[in-house]
C-alpha atoms as a PDB file:
ATOM      1  CA  MET A   1     -66.454  22.089  10.786  1.00  0.00           C
ATOM      2  CA  LEU A   2     -68.854  20.240  13.075  1.00  0.00           C
ATOM      3  CA  ASP A   3     -66.671  17.125  13.031  1.00  0.00           C
ATOM      4  CA  LYS A   4     -63.709  19.185  14.304  1.00  0.00           C
ATOM      5  CA  LEU A   5     -65.692  20.657  17.210  1.00  0.00           C
ATOM      6  CA  GLY A   6     -66.848  17.407  18.738  1.00  0.00           C
ATOM      7  CA  THR A   7     -69.790  16.994  21.070  1.00  0.00           C
ATOM      8  CA  LYS A   8     -68.535  19.399  23.742  1.00  0.00           C
ATOM      9  CA  GLY A   9     -67.829  22.063  21.146  1.00  0.00           C
ATOM     10  CA  ILE A  10     -71.302  21.788  19.624  1.00  0.00           C
ATOM     11  CA  VAL A  11     -72.916  21.998  23.077  1.00  0.00           C
ATOM     12  CA  GLY A  12     -70.743  25.025  23.824  1.00  0.00           C
ATOM     13  CA  VAL A  13     -71.827  26.808  20.650  1.00  0.00           C
ATOM     14  CA  VAL A  14     -75.492  26.051  21.393  1.00  0.00           C
ATOM     15  CA  CYS A  15     -75.124  27.403  24.955  1.00  0.00           C
ATOM     16  CA  LEU A  16     -73.358  30.496  23.654  1.00  0.00           C
ATOM     17  CA  LEU A  17     -76.084  31.225  21.124  1.00  0.00           C
ATOM     18  CA  ALA A  18     -78.821  30.541  23.676  1.00  0.00           C
ATOM     19  CA  GLY A  19     -77.214  32.915  26.153  1.00  0.00           C
ATOM     20  CA  ILE A  20     -76.910  35.709  23.605  1.00  0.00           C
ATOM     21  CA  GLY A  21     -80.519  35.042  22.565  1.00  0.00           C
ATOM     22  CA  ILE A  22     -81.748  35.347  26.146  1.00  0.00           C
ATOM     23  CA  VAL A  23     -79.906  38.641  26.581  1.00  0.00           C
ATOM     24  CA  ALA A  24     -81.218  39.878  23.219  1.00  0.00           C
ATOM     25  CA  VAL A  25     -84.822  39.497  24.400  1.00  0.00           C
ATOM     26  CA  LYS A  26     -84.285  42.140  27.092  1.00  0.00           C
ATOM     27  CA  ALA A  27     -81.428  44.256  25.692  1.00  0.00           C
ATOM     28  CA  PRO A  28     -80.594  43.900  21.982  1.00  0.00           C
ATOM     29  CA  ILE A  29     -77.735  46.428  22.090  1.00  0.00           C
ATOM     30  CA  VAL A  30     -76.050  44.583  24.953  1.00  0.00           C
ATOM     31  CA  ALA A  31     -76.484  41.294  23.097  1.00  0.00           C
ATOM     32  CA  ALA A  32     -74.816  42.774  20.013  1.00  0.00           C
ATOM     33  CA  GLY A  33     -71.914  43.926  22.171  1.00  0.00           C
ATOM     34  CA  LEU A  34     -71.585  40.486  23.724  1.00  0.00           C
ATOM     35  CA  ALA A  35     -71.593  38.899  20.277  1.00  0.00           C
ATOM     36  CA  PHE A  36     -68.750  41.182  19.163  1.00  0.00           C
ATOM     37  CA  VAL A  37     -66.755  40.405  22.313  1.00  0.00           C
ATOM     38  CA  VAL A  38     -67.168  36.655  21.804  1.00  0.00           C
ATOM     39  CA  ALA A  39     -66.217  36.921  18.124  1.00  0.00           C
ATOM     40  CA  GLY A  40     -63.157  38.984  19.029  1.00  0.00           C
ATOM     41  CA  MET A  41     -62.059  36.476  21.639  1.00  0.00           C
ATOM     42  CA  GLY A  42     -62.409  33.713  19.070  1.00  0.00           C
ATOM     43  CA  LEU A  43     -60.262  35.610  16.577  1.00  0.00           C
ATOM     44  CA  VAL A  44     -57.596  36.282  19.214  1.00  0.00           C
ATOM     45  CA  ALA A  45     -57.531  32.615  20.245  1.00  0.00           C
ATOM     46  CA  SER A  46     -57.276  31.562  16.614  1.00  0.00           C
ATOM     47  CA  GLY A  47     -54.407  33.960  16.023  1.00  0.00           C
ATOM     48  CA  LEU A  48     -52.559  32.737  19.101  1.00  0.00           C
ATOM     49  CA  ALA A  49     -53.018  29.100  18.110  1.00  0.00           C
ATOM     50  CA  GLU A  50     -51.787  29.821  14.585  1.00  0.00           C
ATOM     51  CA  GLY A  51     -48.733  31.661  15.957  1.00  0.00           C
ATOM     52  CA  VAL A  52     -47.824  28.784  18.263  1.00  0.00           C
ATOM     53  CA  MET A  53     -48.248  26.288  15.450  1.00  0.00           C
ATOM     54  CA  LYS A  54     -45.936  28.369  13.205  1.00  0.00           C
ATOM     55  CA  MET A  55     -43.408  28.572  16.013  1.00  0.00           C
ATOM     56  CA  PHE A  56     -43.271  24.776  16.161  1.00  0.00           C
ATOM     57  CA  GLY A  57     -43.199  24.504  12.372  1.00  0.00           C
ATOM     58  CA  MET A  58     -46.643  22.920  12.018  1.00  0.00           C
ATOM     59  CA  ALA A  59     -48.284  25.591   9.874  1.00  0.00           C
END
């Protein structure tokens, strides 16, 4: 999976986790909510990408 992300993707994941960690220090409930929102956005983006790929006959 790391080879598919590339350098920018790995830096993005590290920044995302660091940001959620910083929020979790002060407000763990808010950090959990942010984590769910980010995971949901990832699932939506994945679903959209898969739908577009099927539309073009690539999946």
